[in-house]
Amino acid sequence: MLSQNASSDSLFDWVLQDKGGLKTGAFLQKMDEIVPWKEIGDELDAALYDRHMGRPGFPVDVLVKALFLEMWYGLSDPELEEQVLDRVSFQKFLGVRNRTDIPDETTICRFRGKLVELHAEEELFEVVQSMIDEHGLRVNRGKIVDATIVHAPKGRKGNDGTNTKDKDAGFTKKNGKTLHGYKAHVGSDTKGHFIEDVIVTSATTPDNEAFDDLTKDETKAVFADKAYIDQEKKRTFRKRGVFWGV
């Protein structure tokens, strides 16, 4: 029997209230509390889309949250769609209740492309990061730098000669496989909880090209994989008193 407190909520909310991973759920709940996602979505909606055409079929705040889930958990567009279908904590964070509420990979990709086109992606992440900092949720112990491929549809040629291919995306190879899309160069805290900086480029851009921009203000330590090995940078960072963990 439902409690009196549960009667004001939907059955869906009541059933899911104790579901999902505790750490992930607590983290996402905190992000929901401190970031005004709806307000951010409304502002982006007005800036990115014409009143009469071109709007996505999903609320913009849901698409914004989806992008942050990808960054926080290192997911591609197809992986995010699959994870939201499978993870209760992600569903609760996005406020989705069934498959038709979940944005597909193409929708997410097009939304990101719109942000990149209008140079709005960096400002978006800076705004959210500043809110995280205001609440003292991040302690600087260094920065992890990494790059991940964000897949984009290759597009199709139309009979009229047009092509739906995203002109800003590009091709690259990883582990012998040819991939198409963008590359997200990310600087995160050492626990991997908070995205501090993100630079989005074509997938053709080398991983280490964005390294200097991502680490220019770091004062503690930098960590990265072998793609970022650079002896000259190593000497420079050590002179600055920054631990070199590459």
Protein backbone atom coordinates (compact mmCIF):
# COMPACT_ATOMS: atom_id res chain seq x y z
CA MET A 1 0.00 0.00 0.00
CA LEU A 2 1.34 3.47 -0.92
CA SER A 3 2.20 5.81 1.91
CA GLN A 4 0.50 9.20 2.22
CA ASN A 5 3.72 10.92 1.16
CA ALA A 6 3.91 8.81 -1.98
CA SER A 7 0.37 9.66 -3.02
CA SER A 8 1.41 13.11 -4.24
CA ASP A 9 4.01 11.58 -6.55
CA SER A 10 3.46 9.34 -9.52
CA LEU A 11 3.63 5.57 -9.17
CA PHE A 12 6.73 5.71 -11.38
CA ASP A 13 8.55 7.99 -8.92
CA TRP A 14 7.55 5.87 -5.95
CA VAL A 15 8.73 2.63 -7.53
CA LEU A 16 12.10 4.11 -8.54
CA GLN A 17 12.87 6.09 -5.40
CA ASP A 18 15.21 3.43 -3.94
CA LYS A 19 16.52 2.07 -7.24
CA GLY A 20 19.85 2.73 -8.92
CA GLY A 21 23.47 2.89 -7.75
CA LEU A 22 23.86 4.84 -4.51
CA LYS A 23 27.01 6.78 -5.47
CA THR A 24 25.84 7.59 -8.98
CA GLY A 25 22.38 8.46 -7.75
CA ALA A 26 23.73 10.77 -5.02
CA PHE A 27 26.06 12.54 -7.42
CA LEU A 28 23.38 13.10 -10.07
CA GLN A 29 20.85 14.21 -7.47
CA LYS A 30 23.34 16.83 -6.27
CA MET A 31 23.86 18.04 -9.83
CA ASP A 32 20.09 18.30 -10.21
CA GLU A 33 19.89 20.42 -7.07
CA ILE A 34 22.62 22.95 -7.84
CA VAL A 35 22.26 23.41 -11.61
CA PRO A 36 19.10 25.10 -13.00
CA TRP A 37 18.89 22.81 -16.02
CA LYS A 38 15.43 24.03 -17.07
CA GLU A 39 16.54 27.67 -17.15
CA ILE A 40 19.67 26.77 -19.11
CA GLY A 41 17.55 24.75 -21.54
CA ASP A 42 15.11 27.61 -22.06
CA GLU A 43 17.93 30.07 -22.80
CA LEU A 44 19.58 27.70 -25.25
CA ASP A 45 16.25 26.94 -26.91
CA ALA A 46 15.76 30.64 -27.62
CA ALA A 47 19.34 31.08 -28.85
CA LEU A 48 19.68 27.95 -30.99
CA TYR A 49 16.29 27.41 -32.60
CA ASP A 50 13.97 29.41 -34.79
CA ARG A 51 10.45 29.80 -33.41
CA HIS A 52 8.83 28.17 -36.42
CA MET A 53 11.22 25.39 -37.41
CA GLY A 54 14.25 23.36 -36.49
CA ARG A 55 13.50 22.51 -32.87
CA PRO A 56 14.50 19.04 -31.62
CA GLY A 57 11.75 16.64 -30.60
CA PHE A 58 12.98 16.60 -27.00
CA PRO A 59 13.20 19.31 -24.30
CA VAL A 60 16.52 21.15 -24.61
CA ASP A 61 17.29 20.74 -20.90
CA VAL A 62 17.11 16.94 -21.36
CA LEU A 63 19.60 17.18 -24.25
CA VAL A 64 21.91 19.36 -22.16
CA LYS A 65 21.80 16.83 -19.31
CA ALA A 66 22.51 14.06 -21.81
CA LEU A 67 25.69 15.82 -22.95
CA PHE A 68 26.89 16.12 -19.37
CA LEU A 69 26.19 12.44 -18.72
CA GLU A 70 28.39 11.64 -21.70
CA MET A 71 31.19 13.81 -20.37
CA TRP A 72 30.94 12.64 -16.76
CA TYR A 73 30.88 8.95 -17.67
CA GLY A 74 32.93 8.91 -20.91
CA LEU A 75 30.10 7.76 -23.18
CA SER A 76 29.56 8.07 -26.91
CA ASP A 77 26.13 8.95 -28.30
CA PRO A 78 25.15 5.31 -28.98
CA GLU A 79 26.49 4.26 -25.56
CA LEU A 80 24.50 6.97 -23.80
CA GLU A 81 21.27 5.85 -25.44
CA GLU A 82 21.95 2.28 -24.33
CA GLN A 83 22.96 3.30 -20.81
CA VAL A 84 19.87 5.44 -20.26
CA LEU A 85 17.71 2.50 -21.32
CA ASP A 86 19.52 0.32 -18.78
CA ARG A 87 20.35 2.60 -15.82
CA VAL A 88 17.69 3.83 -13.44
CA SER A 89 19.93 6.61 -12.09
CA PHE A 90 20.35 8.06 -15.59
CA GLN A 91 16.59 7.86 -16.22
CA LYS A 92 15.85 9.69 -12.97
CA PHE A 93 18.41 12.39 -13.78
CA LEU A 94 16.97 12.99 -17.25
CA GLY A 95 13.38 12.67 -16.02
CA VAL A 96 12.50 10.07 -18.65
CA ARG A 97 9.97 7.30 -18.11
CA ASN A 98 9.89 5.20 -21.25
CA ARG A 99 11.80 4.53 -24.44
CA THR A 100 10.06 7.29 -26.41
CA ASP A 101 11.26 9.89 -23.86
CA ILE A 102 14.93 9.01 -24.43
CA PRO A 103 16.75 11.07 -27.10
CA ASP A 104 18.36 8.86 -29.74
CA GLU A 105 21.99 9.15 -30.75
CA THR A 106 21.20 11.17 -33.90
CA THR A 107 19.26 13.79 -31.93
CA ILE A 108 22.10 14.18 -29.41
CA CYS A 109 24.66 14.43 -32.22
CA ARG A 110 22.68 17.12 -34.04
CA PHE A 111 22.19 19.09 -30.83
CA ARG A 112 25.92 19.03 -30.13
CA GLY A 113 26.57 20.11 -33.72
CA LYS A 114 24.26 23.07 -33.20
CA LEU A 115 26.20 24.10 -30.07
CA VAL A 116 29.53 23.75 -31.89
CA GLU A 117 28.24 25.71 -34.88
CA LEU A 118 27.30 28.68 -32.69
CA HIS A 119 30.36 28.32 -30.39
CA ALA A 120 28.06 27.83 -27.40
CA GLU A 121 29.50 24.57 -26.03
CA GLU A 122 32.40 26.12 -24.10
CA GLU A 123 30.18 28.74 -22.46
CA LEU A 124 27.69 26.03 -21.47
CA PHE A 125 30.33 23.97 -19.67
CA GLU A 126 31.84 27.05 -18.04
CA VAL A 127 28.43 28.05 -16.64
CA VAL A 128 27.79 24.63 -15.12
CA GLN A 129 31.36 24.36 -13.82
CA SER A 130 31.07 27.72 -12.07
CA MET A 131 27.96 26.49 -10.25
CA ILE A 132 29.80 23.37 -9.12
CA ASP A 133 32.66 25.51 -7.85
CA GLU A 134 30.31 27.88 -6.00
CA HIS A 135 29.10 24.95 -3.92
CA GLY A 136 32.62 23.83 -3.05
CA LEU A 137 32.16 20.39 -4.57
CA ARG A 138 35.57 20.27 -6.21
CA VAL A 139 38.98 20.15 -4.56
CA ASN A 140 41.91 20.66 -6.90
CA ARG A 141 44.32 17.73 -6.71
CA GLY A 142 45.30 17.92 -10.36
CA LYS A 143 43.81 17.31 -13.77
CA ILE A 144 43.32 14.29 -16.00
CA VAL A 145 43.47 14.99 -19.74
CA ASP A 146 41.91 12.64 -22.25
CA ALA A 147 40.23 12.62 -25.63
CA THR A 148 37.23 10.59 -26.71
CA ILE A 149 35.51 10.12 -30.04
CA VAL A 150 31.91 11.25 -30.22
CA HIS A 151 30.34 9.39 -33.13
CA ALA A 152 28.36 11.25 -35.76
CA PRO A 153 26.28 9.81 -38.63
CA LYS A 154 28.19 9.62 -41.91
CA GLY A 155 25.20 11.04 -43.76
CA ARG A 156 23.53 10.10 -47.00
CA LYS A 157 23.59 11.54 -50.50
CA GLY A 158 20.23 12.65 -51.85
CA ASN A 159 19.03 12.33 -55.41
CA ASP A 160 19.21 16.11 -55.72
CA GLY A 161 22.93 16.13 -54.97
CA THR A 162 22.61 17.17 -51.34
CA ASN A 163 24.39 15.36 -48.52
CA THR A 164 23.29 15.05 -44.89
CA LYS A 165 26.88 14.49 -43.72
CA ASP A 166 27.93 16.78 -40.86
CA LYS A 167 30.54 19.04 -42.48
CA ASP A 168 32.28 19.77 -39.16
CA ALA A 169 32.80 16.09 -38.29
CA GLY A 170 35.76 14.09 -39.57
CA PHE A 171 37.28 10.62 -39.89
CA THR A 172 39.98 9.03 -37.75
CA LYS A 173 41.30 5.54 -36.98
CA LYS A 174 41.43 3.88 -33.57
CA ASN A 175 42.45 0.29 -32.92
CA GLY A 176 42.33 -0.35 -36.65
CA LYS A 177 38.75 0.91 -37.00
CA THR A 178 37.69 3.95 -39.01
CA LEU A 179 35.49 6.27 -36.96
CA HIS A 180 33.52 9.36 -37.92
CA GLY A 181 32.51 12.23 -35.70
CA TYR A 182 33.95 14.74 -33.27
CA LYS A 183 36.69 14.52 -30.70
CA ALA A 184 36.02 15.79 -27.18
CA HIS A 185 39.24 16.86 -25.45
CA VAL A 186 38.43 16.78 -21.76
CA GLY A 187 40.14 17.96 -18.60
CA SER A 188 38.62 16.43 -15.46
CA ASP A 189 39.45 16.27 -11.77
CA THR A 190 41.58 13.37 -10.58
CA LYS A 191 38.58 11.38 -9.40
CA GLY A 192 36.89 11.78 -12.77
CA HIS A 193 33.75 13.32 -11.23
CA PHE A 194 33.91 16.84 -12.60
CA ILE A 195 34.58 18.07 -16.11
CA GLU A 196 36.65 21.22 -15.73
CA ASP A 197 37.28 21.99 -19.40
CA VAL A 198 36.13 20.59 -22.73
CA ILE A 199 37.24 21.43 -26.25
CA VAL A 200 35.32 19.92 -29.16
CA THR A 201 37.07 19.48 -32.52
CA SER A 202 36.81 17.34 -35.61
CA ALA A 203 37.85 13.72 -35.00
CA THR A 204 40.87 14.35 -37.26
CA THR A 205 42.52 16.55 -34.60
CA PRO A 206 45.41 14.82 -32.75
CA ASP A 207 44.72 14.05 -29.08
CA ASN A 208 47.60 16.21 -27.81
CA GLU A 209 46.70 19.35 -29.78
CA ALA A 210 44.37 20.65 -27.04
CA PHE A 211 46.68 19.68 -24.16
CA ASP A 212 48.17 23.15 -23.59
CA ASP A 213 44.77 24.85 -23.48
CA LEU A 214 43.41 22.26 -21.05
CA THR A 215 46.34 22.49 -18.63
CA LYS A 216 47.50 26.12 -18.84
CA ASP A 217 46.06 27.04 -15.42
CA GLU A 218 46.87 23.80 -13.58
CA THR A 219 49.05 24.24 -10.47
CA LYS A 220 49.06 20.75 -8.89
CA ALA A 221 49.44 17.84 -11.31
CA VAL A 222 48.56 16.59 -14.78
CA PHE A 223 47.80 13.00 -15.76
CA ALA A 224 47.35 11.53 -19.25
CA ASP A 225 48.09 8.43 -21.31
CA LYS A 226 51.05 7.81 -23.65
CA ALA A 227 49.49 9.81 -26.49
CA TYR A 228 50.55 12.93 -24.56
CA ILE A 229 54.21 12.03 -23.91
CA ASP A 230 56.34 15.12 -24.53
CA GLN A 231 59.76 15.57 -22.91
CA GLU A 232 59.83 19.33 -23.46
CA LYS A 233 56.43 19.76 -21.80
CA LYS A 234 57.58 17.48 -18.99
CA ARG A 235 60.51 19.79 -18.22
CA THR A 236 58.28 22.88 -18.46
CA PHE A 237 55.69 21.53 -16.04
CA ARG A 238 58.32 20.42 -13.54
CA LYS A 239 59.81 23.93 -13.60
CA ARG A 240 56.34 25.22 -12.74
CA GLY A 241 56.22 22.81 -9.81
CA VAL A 242 53.43 20.78 -11.43
CA PHE A 243 53.63 16.99 -11.09
CA TRP A 244 53.96 15.32 -14.51
CA GLY A 245 51.92 12.10 -14.48
CA VAL A 246 52.01 11.23 -18.17
